PDB file of N, CA and C in Angstrom:
ATOM      1  N   MET A   1      22.843   4.783 -24.639  1.00  0.00           N
ATOM      2  CA  MET A   1      21.461   4.894 -25.075  1.00  0.00           C
ATOM      3  C   MET A   1      20.490   4.481 -23.977  1.00  0.00           C
ATOM      4  N   VAL A   2      20.896   3.542 -23.145  1.00  0.00           N
ATOM      5  CA  VAL A   2      20.012   3.084 -22.070  1.00  0.00           C
ATOM      6  C   VAL A   2      19.661   4.260 -21.164  1.00  0.00           C
ATOM      7  N   ALA A   3      20.644   5.033 -20.764  1.00  0.00           N
ATOM      8  CA  ALA A   3      20.395   6.167 -19.871  1.00  0.00           C
ATOM      9  C   ALA A   3      19.457   7.189 -20.512  1.00  0.00           C
ATOM     10  N   ILE A   4      19.580   7.370 -21.806  1.00  0.00           N
ATOM     11  CA  ILE A   4      18.706   8.317 -22.509  1.00  0.00           C
ATOM     12  C   ILE A   4      17.257   7.833 -22.448  1.00  0.00           C
ATOM     13  N   TYR A   5      17.032   6.562 -22.737  1.00  0.00           N
ATOM     14  CA  TYR A   5      15.673   6.029 -22.686  1.00  0.00           C
ATOM     15  C   TYR A   5      15.119   6.047 -21.270  1.00  0.00           C
ATOM     16  N   VAL A   6      15.953   5.773 -20.279  1.00  0.00           N
ATOM     17  CA  VAL A   6      15.512   5.840 -18.883  1.00  0.00           C
ATOM     18  C   VAL A   6      15.041   7.260 -18.572  1.00  0.00           C
ATOM     19  N   ALA A   7      15.828   8.253 -18.948  1.00  0.00           N
ATOM     20  CA  ALA A   7      15.450   9.646 -18.697  1.00  0.00           C
ATOM     21  C   ALA A   7      14.167  10.010 -19.429  1.00  0.00           C
ATOM     22  N   LEU A   8      14.022   9.578 -20.673  1.00  0.00           N
ATOM     23  CA  LEU A   8      12.814   9.887 -21.437  1.00  0.00           C
ATOM     24  C   LEU A   8      11.574   9.275 -20.786  1.00  0.00           C
ATOM     25  N   ILE A   9      11.715   8.074 -20.259  1.00  0.00           N
ATOM     26  CA  ILE A   9      10.585   7.428 -19.578  1.00  0.00           C
ATOM     27  C   ILE A   9      10.268   8.169 -18.281  1.00  0.00           C
ATOM     28  N   ILE A  10      11.283   8.539 -17.528  1.00  0.00           N
ATOM     29  CA  ILE A  10      11.068   9.254 -16.272  1.00  0.00           C
ATOM     30  C   ILE A  10      10.323  10.564 -16.521  1.00  0.00           C
ATOM     31  N   TYR A  11      10.686  11.262 -17.588  1.00  0.00           N
ATOM     32  CA  TYR A  11      10.065  12.560 -17.877  1.00  0.00           C
ATOM     33  C   TYR A  11       8.794  12.455 -18.721  1.00  0.00           C
ATOM     34  N   GLY A  12       8.331  11.216 -18.950  1.00  0.00           N
ATOM     35  CA  GLY A  12       7.048  11.010 -19.611  1.00  0.00           C
ATOM     36  C   GLY A  12       7.057  11.202 -21.119  1.00  0.00           C
ATOM     37  N   ARG A  13       8.225  11.200 -21.720  1.00  0.00           N
ATOM     38  CA  ARG A  13       8.324  11.378 -23.171  1.00  0.00           C
ATOM     39  C   ARG A  13       8.226  10.072 -23.946  1.00  0.00           C
ATOM     40  N   ARG A  14       8.530   8.967 -23.282  1.00  0.00           N
ATOM     41  CA  ARG A  14       8.482   7.643 -23.895  1.00  0.00           C
ATOM     42  C   ARG A  14       7.943   6.645 -22.881  1.00  0.00           C
ATOM     43  N   THR A  15       7.600   5.452 -23.376  1.00  0.00           N
ATOM     44  CA  THR A  15       7.265   4.328 -22.506  1.00  0.00           C
ATOM     45  C   THR A  15       8.148   3.160 -22.936  1.00  0.00           C
ATOM     46  N   ILE A  16       8.133   2.109 -22.160  1.00  0.00           N
ATOM     47  CA  ILE A  16       8.949   0.942 -22.486  1.00  0.00           C
ATOM     48  C   ILE A  16       8.549   0.349 -23.834  1.00  0.00           C
ATOM     49  N   ASP A  17       7.314   0.572 -24.254  1.00  0.00           N
ATOM     50  CA  ASP A  17       6.841   0.046 -25.536  1.00  0.00           C
ATOM     51  C   ASP A  17       7.563   0.671 -26.730  1.00  0.00           C
ATOM     52  N   THR A  18       8.122   1.854 -26.554  1.00  0.00           N
ATOM     53  CA  THR A  18       8.795   2.541 -27.664  1.00  0.00           C
ATOM     54  C   THR A  18      10.309   2.345 -27.645  1.00  0.00           C
ATOM     55  N   VAL A  19      10.821   1.656 -26.637  1.00  0.00           N
ATOM     56  CA  VAL A  19      12.259   1.385 -26.550  1.00  0.00           C
ATOM     57  C   VAL A  19      12.597   0.228 -27.482  1.00  0.00           C
ATOM     58  N   PRO A  20      13.677   0.342 -28.262  1.00  0.00           N
ATOM     59  CA  PRO A  20      14.071  -0.776 -29.121  1.00  0.00           C
ATOM     60  C   PRO A  20      14.236  -2.064 -28.311  1.00  0.00           C
ATOM     61  N   ARG A  21      13.795  -3.160 -28.905  1.00  0.00           N
ATOM     62  CA  ARG A  21      13.774  -4.449 -28.195  1.00  0.00           C
ATOM     63  C   ARG A  21      15.119  -4.830 -27.587  1.00  0.00           C
ATOM     64  N   HIS A  22      16.206  -4.547 -28.273  1.00  0.00           N
ATOM     65  CA  HIS A  22      17.513  -4.971 -27.774  1.00  0.00           C
ATOM     66  C   HIS A  22      17.962  -4.167 -26.545  1.00  0.00           C
ATOM     67  N   LEU A  23      17.270  -3.087 -26.219  1.00  0.00           N
ATOM     68  CA  LEU A  23      17.615  -2.276 -25.054  1.00  0.00           C
ATOM     69  C   LEU A  23      16.621  -2.413 -23.901  1.00  0.00           C
ATOM     70  N   ARG A  24      15.491  -3.044 -24.137  1.00  0.00           N
ATOM     71  CA  ARG A  24      14.411  -3.071 -23.149  1.00  0.00           C
ATOM     72  C   ARG A  24      14.814  -3.673 -21.813  1.00  0.00           C
ATOM     73  N   ASP A  25      15.512  -4.795 -21.819  1.00  0.00           N
ATOM     74  CA  ASP A  25      15.884  -5.436 -20.552  1.00  0.00           C
ATOM     75  C   ASP A  25      16.780  -4.525 -19.717  1.00  0.00           C
ATOM     76  N   ALA A  26      17.740  -3.876 -20.360  1.00  0.00           N
ATOM     77  CA  ALA A  26      18.646  -2.983 -19.634  1.00  0.00           C
ATOM     78  C   ALA A  26      17.908  -1.755 -19.116  1.00  0.00           C
ATOM     79  N   VAL A  27      17.004  -1.208 -19.920  1.00  0.00           N
ATOM     80  CA  VAL A  27      16.223  -0.045 -19.500  1.00  0.00           C
ATOM     81  C   VAL A  27      15.322  -0.419 -18.320  1.00  0.00           C
ATOM     82  N   LEU A  28      14.650  -1.551 -18.412  1.00  0.00           N
ATOM     83  CA  LEU A  28      13.788  -2.000 -17.312  1.00  0.00           C
ATOM     84  C   LEU A  28      14.589  -2.247 -16.031  1.00  0.00           C
ATOM     85  N   ALA A  29      15.791  -2.793 -16.157  1.00  0.00           N
ATOM     86  CA  ALA A  29      16.628  -3.039 -14.984  1.00  0.00           C
ATOM     87  C   ALA A  29      17.013  -1.727 -14.311  1.00  0.00           C
ATOM     88  N   ASP A  30      17.370  -0.721 -15.099  1.00  0.00           N
ATOM     89  CA  ASP A  30      17.724   0.581 -14.528  1.00  0.00           C
ATOM     90  C   ASP A  30      16.506   1.244 -13.888  1.00  0.00           C
ATOM     91  N   LEU A  31      15.355   1.154 -14.545  1.00  0.00           N
ATOM     92  CA  LEU A  31      14.145   1.735 -13.978  1.00  0.00           C
ATOM     93  C   LEU A  31      13.777   1.050 -12.665  1.00  0.00           C
ATOM     94  N   LYS A  32      13.891  -0.278 -12.644  1.00  0.00           N
ATOM     95  CA  LYS A  32      13.572  -1.027 -11.427  1.00  0.00           C
ATOM     96  C   LYS A  32      14.500  -0.614 -10.293  1.00  0.00           C
ATOM     97  N   ALA A  33      15.773  -0.383 -10.600  1.00  0.00           N
ATOM     98  CA  ALA A  33      16.725   0.059  -9.578  1.00  0.00           C
ATOM     99  C   ALA A  33      16.326   1.422  -9.005  1.00  0.00           C
ATOM    100  N   LEU A  34      15.628   2.208  -9.807  1.00  0.00           N
ATOM    101  CA  LEU A  34      15.137   3.515  -9.366  1.00  0.00           C
ATOM    102  C   LEU A  34      13.749   3.437  -8.738  1.00  0.00           C
ATOM    103  N   GLY A  35      13.170   2.223  -8.706  1.00  0.00           N
ATOM    104  CA  GLY A  35      11.844   2.034  -8.121  1.00  0.00           C
ATOM    105  C   GLY A  35      10.713   2.383  -9.065  1.00  0.00           C
ATOM    106  N   LEU A  36      10.969   2.305 -10.380  1.00  0.00           N
ATOM    107  CA  LEU A  36       9.973   2.660 -11.379  1.00  0.00           C
ATOM    108  C   LEU A  36       9.680   1.499 -12.313  1.00  0.00           C
ATOM    109  N   ASP A  37       8.489   1.526 -12.915  1.00  0.00           N
ATOM    110  CA  ASP A  37       8.160   0.526 -13.929  1.00  0.00           C
ATOM    111  C   ASP A  37       8.471   1.090 -15.317  1.00  0.00           C
ATOM    112  N   GLY A  38       8.082   0.377 -16.346  1.00  0.00           N
ATOM    113  CA  GLY A  38       8.377   0.768 -17.720  1.00  0.00           C
ATOM    114  C   GLY A  38       7.580   1.954 -18.222  1.00  0.00           C
ATOM    115  N   TYR A  39       6.726   2.484 -17.368  1.00  0.00           N
ATOM    116  CA  TYR A  39       5.924   3.653 -17.738  1.00  0.00           C
ATOM    117  C   TYR A  39       6.235   4.841 -16.837  1.00  0.00           C
ATOM    118  N   GLY A  40       7.296   4.706 -16.027  1.00  0.00           N
ATOM    119  CA  GLY A  40       7.716   5.793 -15.159  1.00  0.00           C
ATOM    120  C   GLY A  40       6.935   5.900 -13.872  1.00  0.00           C
ATOM    121  N   LYS A  41       6.109   4.916 -13.576  1.00  0.00           N
ATOM    122  CA  LYS A  41       5.305   4.915 -12.358  1.00  0.00           C
ATOM    123  C   LYS A  41       6.038   4.156 -11.256  1.00  0.00           C
ATOM    124  N   ALA A  42       5.816   4.552 -10.024  1.00  0.00           N
ATOM    125  CA  ALA A  42       6.461   3.908  -8.887  1.00  0.00           C
ATOM    126  C   ALA A  42       6.018   2.457  -8.774  1.00  0.00           C
ATOM    127  N   LEU A  43       6.985   1.578  -8.505  1.00  0.00           N
ATOM    128  CA  LEU A  43       6.683   0.181  -8.248  1.00  0.00           C
ATOM    129  C   LEU A  43       6.099   0.051  -6.855  1.00  0.00           C
ATOM    130  N   PRO A  44       5.224  -0.926  -6.625  1.00  0.00           N
ATOM    131  CA  PRO A  44       4.733  -1.127  -5.264  1.00  0.00           C
ATOM    132  C   PRO A  44       5.881  -1.531  -4.345  1.00  0.00           C
ATOM    133  N   ALA A  45       5.848  -1.047  -3.121  1.00  0.00           N
ATOM    134  CA  ALA A  45       6.891  -1.385  -2.153  1.00  0.00           C
ATOM    135  C   ALA A  45       6.848  -2.881  -1.856  1.00  0.00           C
ATOM    136  N   GLU A  46       8.002  -3.450  -1.585  1.00  0.00           N
ATOM    137  CA  GLU A  46       8.079  -4.868  -1.263  1.00  0.00           C
ATOM    138  C   GLU A  46       7.225  -5.165  -0.042  1.00  0.00           C
ATOM    139  N   GLY A  47       6.408  -6.201  -0.124  1.00  0.00           N
ATOM    140  CA  GLY A  47       5.586  -6.600   0.997  1.00  0.00           C
ATOM    141  C   GLY A  47       4.253  -5.885   1.095  1.00  0.00           C
ATOM    142  N   LYS A  48       4.050  -4.861   0.247  1.00  0.00           N
ATOM    143  CA  LYS A  48       2.783  -4.138   0.252  1.00  0.00           C
ATOM    144  C   LYS A  48       2.025  -4.447  -1.033  1.00  0.00           C
ATOM    145  N   PRO A  49       0.717  -4.618  -0.938  1.00  0.00           N
ATOM    146  CA  PRO A  49      -0.059  -4.852  -2.156  1.00  0.00           C
ATOM    147  C   PRO A  49      -0.126  -3.588  -3.016  1.00  0.00           C
ATOM    148  N   ALA A  50      -0.249  -3.778  -4.316  1.00  0.00           N
ATOM    149  CA  ALA A  50      -0.371  -2.647  -5.229  1.00  0.00           C
ATOM    150  C   ALA A  50      -1.699  -1.947  -4.999  1.00  0.00           C
ATOM    151  N   GLU A  51      -1.699  -0.640  -5.148  1.00  0.00           N
ATOM    152  CA  GLU A  51      -2.947   0.135  -4.966  1.00  0.00           C
ATOM    153  C   GLU A  51      -3.698   0.233  -6.250  1.00  0.00           C
TER     154      GLU A  51
END
């Protein structure tokens, strides 16, 4: 289920707010590994300020 929610967030069909609470940490961890936040947006690069 985690992979499904990750894909839905990437494709803009869901946000982290709609993921069941018991899956949120795992979904966020996978998104972070892909360089994304809980809304499918790119995380700021390490050492660079957010735009």
